[in-house]
Amino acid sequence: MNESWIRALTLYDGLVEAGWKHILPFRELARALSTSKEASGLTAVTSHETLILSPYTRYPDWFEGRHVRVHPMTDGTIRIDRKPQQFDGNPTQTWTVPLQEAEALIRSLIAEL
């Protein structure tokens, strides 16, 4: 787990403390992803509760390069977007899955980054 994951998990700890109830199970998902072999070497970037997983180490590459964006919904589902390289021409792919299915799908997507 690199420093970017530690910062992301710390941010989620703060959101949990602030009463964002849907973040606690998502924080556990993020922790599980942080120690997976598929996430090794990836950068974790947060924007509030959204988690961006990128093979790039700096801005603006996190957003303009290929990445997977993970967002917890208040109904307990997880929205997952696979973003292609900017100007690639391929569309963003999006899934909304139950929390229990999210880890396997995310791991398969980030393995391709």
Protein backbone atom coordinates (compact mmCIF):
# COMPACT_ATOMS: atom_id res chain seq x y z
CA MET A 1 0.00 0.00 0.00
CA ASN A 2 1.51 3.31 -1.05
CA GLU A 3 1.07 6.76 0.49
CA SER A 4 -1.84 7.67 -1.80
CA TRP A 5 -3.91 4.80 -0.38
CA ILE A 6 -3.12 5.86 3.18
CA ARG A 7 -4.33 9.40 2.38
CA ALA A 8 -7.51 8.04 0.79
CA LEU A 9 -8.32 5.80 3.75
CA THR A 10 -7.62 8.66 6.16
CA LEU A 11 -10.03 10.90 4.24
CA TYR A 12 -12.71 8.20 4.45
CA ASP A 13 -12.09 7.89 8.21
CA GLY A 14 -12.85 11.60 8.49
CA LEU A 15 -16.06 11.25 6.48
CA VAL A 16 -17.18 8.37 8.72
CA GLU A 17 -16.48 10.50 11.78
CA ALA A 18 -18.51 13.31 10.20
CA GLY A 19 -21.52 10.99 9.96
CA TRP A 20 -21.42 9.89 6.32
CA LYS A 21 -23.01 6.51 7.05
CA HIS A 22 -22.62 5.04 3.56
CA ILE A 23 -18.84 5.55 3.72
CA LEU A 24 -18.01 2.95 6.39
CA PRO A 25 -18.67 -0.12 4.18
CA PHE A 26 -17.05 1.70 1.25
CA ARG A 27 -13.98 2.43 3.37
CA GLU A 28 -13.67 -1.31 4.01
CA LEU A 29 -13.91 -1.96 0.27
CA ALA A 30 -11.17 0.62 -0.35
CA ARG A 31 -8.99 -0.98 2.33
CA ALA A 32 -9.42 -4.41 0.75
CA LEU A 33 -8.55 -3.01 -2.68
CA SER A 34 -5.50 -1.20 -1.29
CA THR A 35 -3.84 -4.49 -0.35
CA SER A 36 -4.77 -6.40 -3.50
CA LYS A 37 -2.13 -7.40 -6.03
CA GLU A 38 -4.20 -5.72 -8.76
CA ALA A 39 -3.84 -2.35 -7.02
CA SER A 40 -0.10 -2.67 -6.54
CA GLY A 41 1.54 0.37 -8.09
CA LEU A 42 -1.71 2.25 -8.67
CA THR A 43 -2.39 5.70 -7.30
CA ALA A 44 -5.55 6.27 -5.24
CA VAL A 45 -7.03 9.76 -5.56
CA THR A 46 -10.14 10.92 -3.72
CA SER A 47 -12.69 13.59 -4.36
CA HIS A 48 -14.98 13.48 -1.36
CA GLU A 49 -16.31 9.93 -1.42
CA THR A 50 -15.25 9.14 -5.00
CA LEU A 51 -12.15 6.98 -5.35
CA ILE A 52 -10.11 7.21 -8.54
CA LEU A 53 -7.64 4.42 -9.27
CA SER A 54 -4.96 5.39 -11.75
CA PRO A 55 -1.68 4.05 -13.07
CA TYR A 56 -0.40 7.65 -13.11
CA THR A 57 1.27 9.40 -10.21
CA ARG A 58 0.32 13.04 -10.77
CA TYR A 59 -2.31 15.51 -11.80
CA PRO A 60 -3.69 15.96 -14.50
CA ASP A 61 -2.78 12.45 -15.65
CA TRP A 62 -5.08 10.91 -12.99
CA PHE A 63 -8.10 12.40 -14.76
CA GLU A 64 -6.96 12.58 -18.38
CA GLY A 65 -5.38 9.14 -18.51
CA ARG A 66 -7.17 5.83 -18.26
CA HIS A 67 -8.55 5.13 -14.79
CA VAL A 68 -11.31 3.47 -12.80
CA ARG A 69 -13.63 5.67 -10.77
CA VAL A 70 -15.54 4.16 -7.83
CA HIS A 71 -18.39 5.94 -6.07
CA PRO A 72 -20.53 4.66 -3.18
CA MET A 73 -24.24 5.34 -3.50
CA THR A 74 -26.38 5.98 -0.44
CA ASP A 75 -28.56 2.95 -1.28
CA GLY A 76 -25.64 0.56 -0.69
CA THR A 77 -24.66 0.08 -4.32
CA ILE A 78 -21.38 1.09 -5.92
CA ARG A 79 -21.10 2.93 -9.23
CA ILE A 80 -17.98 1.99 -11.17
CA ASP A 81 -16.75 3.85 -14.26
CA ARG A 82 -13.91 2.67 -16.48
CA LYS A 83 -12.59 5.79 -18.19
CA PRO A 84 -10.49 5.43 -21.33
CA GLN A 85 -7.48 7.57 -22.13
CA GLN A 86 -8.60 11.11 -22.97
CA PHE A 87 -9.20 11.48 -26.73
CA ASP A 88 -9.17 7.67 -27.07
CA GLY A 89 -12.58 7.70 -28.71
CA ASN A 90 -13.95 4.83 -26.63
CA PRO A 91 -16.88 5.57 -24.34
CA THR A 92 -16.81 5.38 -20.57
CA GLN A 93 -18.19 2.07 -19.33
CA THR A 94 -20.37 2.22 -16.21
CA TRP A 95 -21.71 -0.42 -13.82
CA THR A 96 -23.82 -0.07 -10.68
CA VAL A 97 -23.50 -3.16 -8.50
CA PRO A 98 -24.25 -4.24 -4.94
CA LEU A 99 -21.38 -3.68 -2.53
CA GLN A 100 -20.82 -7.45 -2.27
CA GLU A 101 -20.09 -7.66 -6.02
CA ALA A 102 -17.99 -4.51 -6.31
CA GLU A 103 -14.59 -5.78 -5.17
CA ALA A 104 -14.31 -8.56 -7.75
CA LEU A 105 -15.41 -6.27 -10.58
CA ILE A 106 -13.08 -3.45 -9.54
CA ARG A 107 -10.13 -5.82 -9.18
CA SER A 108 -10.72 -7.17 -12.69
CA LEU A 109 -10.92 -3.63 -14.11
CA ILE A 110 -7.84 -2.26 -12.35
CA ALA A 111 -5.82 -5.31 -13.39
CA GLU A 112 -6.18 -3.96 -16.95
CA LEU A 113 -4.83 -0.51 -16.09
